[in-house]
Amino acid sequence: MLIRWAAKEDKSAWLALSREYDAYIDSDLAQWYDGFDIYMARKIAQREALAAMEHEICMGAIAISRSHNRITFFGISHAAAADTAEALLSAALNELDTSREITINAPKGDFPKLQNEKRFLESQGFTIYDDTVLENGCPMYGMRLCPLST
């Protein structure tokens, strides 16, 4: 698996990866995807999006905001290897300031895929600080990683 900066050519793969979550998203999908193309283009242009590639296939993507010290997108394909999430998260944390709080919104729901994502983030040290977040109409857990002590 190769973790690399996402490129313009990856936008359709990134969108397809996001679409894997559609069955689990309790939201108006038109609202959920409103502005997603512009968001992807901006993250790619700012070198704030990473892709996990396996044999030229996108197995996961993560996007960050350096200015807000947060992860703004985290998606793992159902076909990805077990270590994909950890590799992407590690790459993203290398780009963020771990001496400050790092936040992420994780999709909220009873589906195993969403529960597994939440458990994974918790296993990496993230904790829920708000379970009432709505992002583009989708219920999310507001999660944070407290600063790492030096």
Protein backbone atom coordinates (compact mmCIF):
# COMPACT_ATOMS: atom_id res chain seq x y z
CA MET A 1 0.00 0.00 0.00
CA LEU A 2 1.20 3.47 -0.92
CA ILE A 3 0.11 6.57 1.01
CA ARG A 4 0.50 9.63 -1.20
CA TRP A 5 -0.85 13.11 -1.71
CA ALA A 6 -4.15 13.01 -3.56
CA ALA A 7 -4.16 14.42 -7.09
CA LYS A 8 -6.89 15.90 -9.31
CA GLU A 9 -7.12 12.55 -11.07
CA ASP A 10 -8.15 10.95 -7.75
CA LYS A 11 -11.35 12.98 -7.37
CA SER A 12 -13.60 10.32 -8.92
CA ALA A 13 -12.03 7.61 -6.74
CA TRP A 14 -12.43 9.81 -3.65
CA LEU A 15 -16.09 10.42 -4.54
CA ALA A 16 -16.63 6.67 -5.08
CA LEU A 17 -15.06 6.00 -1.70
CA SER A 18 -17.41 8.49 -0.08
CA ARG A 19 -20.37 6.87 -1.86
CA GLU A 20 -19.54 3.60 -0.06
CA TYR A 21 -20.87 5.34 3.06
CA ASP A 22 -24.20 6.42 1.48
CA ALA A 23 -26.12 3.44 2.85
CA TYR A 24 -25.07 4.42 6.38
CA ILE A 25 -25.61 8.17 6.18
CA ASP A 26 -28.81 9.32 7.87
CA SER A 27 -29.11 12.51 5.86
CA ASP A 28 -30.38 14.05 2.66
CA LEU A 29 -27.59 12.93 0.35
CA ALA A 30 -28.02 15.99 -1.87
CA GLN A 31 -27.23 18.11 1.19
CA TRP A 32 -24.41 15.78 2.25
CA TYR A 33 -22.65 16.14 -1.13
CA ASP A 34 -23.43 19.82 -1.67
CA GLY A 35 -20.07 21.43 -2.44
CA PHE A 36 -18.12 18.14 -2.17
CA ASP A 37 -16.43 18.59 -5.56
CA ILE A 38 -15.22 22.08 -4.60
CA TYR A 39 -14.08 20.75 -1.21
CA MET A 40 -12.10 17.91 -2.83
CA ALA A 41 -10.45 20.26 -5.32
CA ARG A 42 -9.46 22.69 -2.55
CA LYS A 43 -7.99 19.96 -0.33
CA ILE A 44 -6.01 18.53 -3.24
CA ALA A 45 -4.71 21.96 -4.27
CA GLN A 46 -3.66 22.75 -0.68
CA ARG A 47 -1.92 19.36 -0.26
CA GLU A 48 -4.30 18.53 2.55
CA ALA A 49 -5.61 15.22 1.18
CA LEU A 50 -3.91 11.85 1.25
CA ALA A 51 -4.89 8.67 -0.56
CA ALA A 52 -4.11 5.06 0.28
CA MET A 53 -3.46 3.29 -3.00
CA GLU A 54 -3.26 -0.45 -3.61
CA HIS A 55 -2.56 -1.52 -7.21
CA GLU A 56 -3.79 1.88 -8.50
CA ILE A 57 -7.06 1.54 -6.55
CA CYS A 58 -7.97 4.06 -3.84
CA MET A 59 -8.55 2.11 -0.61
CA GLY A 60 -8.93 5.12 1.62
CA ALA A 61 -8.63 8.88 1.85
CA ILE A 62 -8.06 11.37 4.61
CA ALA A 63 -8.18 15.16 4.43
CA ILE A 64 -6.98 17.65 6.99
CA SER A 65 -7.10 21.31 7.84
CA ARG A 66 -3.74 22.54 9.07
CA SER A 67 -5.23 25.91 10.02
CA HIS A 68 -7.91 24.31 12.22
CA ASN A 69 -5.79 21.30 13.24
CA ARG A 70 -8.50 18.85 12.30
CA ILE A 71 -9.28 15.89 10.12
CA THR A 72 -12.05 16.92 7.76
CA PHE A 73 -12.60 13.63 5.90
CA PHE A 74 -11.72 10.04 6.72
CA GLY A 75 -13.00 7.21 4.57
CA ILE A 76 -11.86 3.63 4.27
CA SER A 77 -13.07 1.26 1.54
CA HIS A 78 -14.83 -1.94 2.56
CA ALA A 79 -12.16 -3.72 0.47
CA ALA A 80 -9.19 -2.13 2.27
CA ALA A 81 -6.60 -4.07 4.24
CA ALA A 82 -6.84 -3.92 8.02
CA ASP A 83 -3.87 -1.56 8.35
CA THR A 84 -5.15 1.07 5.89
CA ALA A 85 -6.94 3.20 8.48
CA GLU A 86 -3.94 3.25 10.79
CA ALA A 87 -1.55 4.15 7.95
CA LEU A 88 -3.74 7.02 6.75
CA LEU A 89 -4.33 8.36 10.25
CA SER A 90 -0.61 8.22 11.02
CA ALA A 91 0.20 10.12 7.81
CA ALA A 92 -2.40 12.77 8.66
CA LEU A 93 -1.14 13.17 12.23
CA ASN A 94 2.36 13.74 10.84
CA GLU A 95 0.94 16.79 9.04
CA LEU A 96 -0.95 18.19 12.04
CA ASP A 97 0.26 19.78 15.28
CA THR A 98 0.05 17.00 17.89
CA SER A 99 0.98 19.49 20.62
CA ARG A 100 -2.55 20.92 20.15
CA GLU A 101 -5.96 19.28 20.23
CA ILE A 102 -6.91 17.54 16.97
CA THR A 103 -10.59 17.09 16.11
CA ILE A 104 -12.62 14.95 13.72
CA ASN A 105 -16.31 14.39 13.09
CA ALA A 106 -17.10 10.69 12.73
CA PRO A 107 -20.42 9.53 11.24
CA LYS A 108 -22.84 8.43 13.92
CA GLY A 109 -25.01 5.35 13.51
CA ASP A 110 -25.70 1.75 14.44
CA PHE A 111 -24.21 0.22 11.30
CA PRO A 112 -21.14 -1.96 11.97
CA LYS A 113 -18.98 0.08 9.54
CA LEU A 114 -19.69 3.28 11.47
CA GLN A 115 -19.28 1.60 14.85
CA ASN A 116 -15.95 0.11 13.72
CA GLU A 117 -14.73 3.54 12.61
CA LYS A 118 -15.69 5.05 15.98
CA ARG A 119 -13.97 2.20 17.87
CA PHE A 120 -10.87 2.59 15.70
CA LEU A 121 -10.64 6.31 16.47
CA GLU A 122 -11.13 5.59 20.17
CA SER A 123 -8.35 2.98 20.02
CA GLN A 124 -6.09 5.72 18.63
CA GLY A 125 -6.84 8.02 21.59
CA PHE A 126 -9.77 10.06 20.27
CA THR A 127 -12.65 10.66 22.66
CA ILE A 128 -16.18 11.91 22.06
CA TYR A 129 -16.71 15.46 23.25
CA ASP A 130 -20.03 16.11 21.47
CA ASP A 131 -22.53 13.51 20.25
CA THR A 132 -24.94 16.05 18.72
CA VAL A 133 -22.87 17.38 15.80
CA LEU A 134 -24.62 17.79 12.44
CA GLU A 135 -22.39 18.03 9.38
CA ASN A 136 -24.30 18.79 6.17
CA GLY A 137 -27.36 17.33 7.89
CA CYS A 138 -25.58 14.11 8.95
CA PRO A 139 -25.40 13.13 12.64
CA MET A 140 -21.78 12.90 13.75
CA TYR A 141 -19.69 12.37 16.83
CA GLY A 142 -17.41 15.29 17.55
CA MET A 143 -14.19 13.60 18.62
CA ARG A 144 -10.87 14.96 19.77
CA LEU A 145 -7.35 13.80 20.39
CA CYS A 146 -5.81 15.62 23.31
CA PRO A 147 -2.33 17.05 22.85
CA LEU A 148 0.53 14.60 23.17
CA SER A 149 2.80 15.51 26.03
CA THR A 150 6.43 16.18 25.25
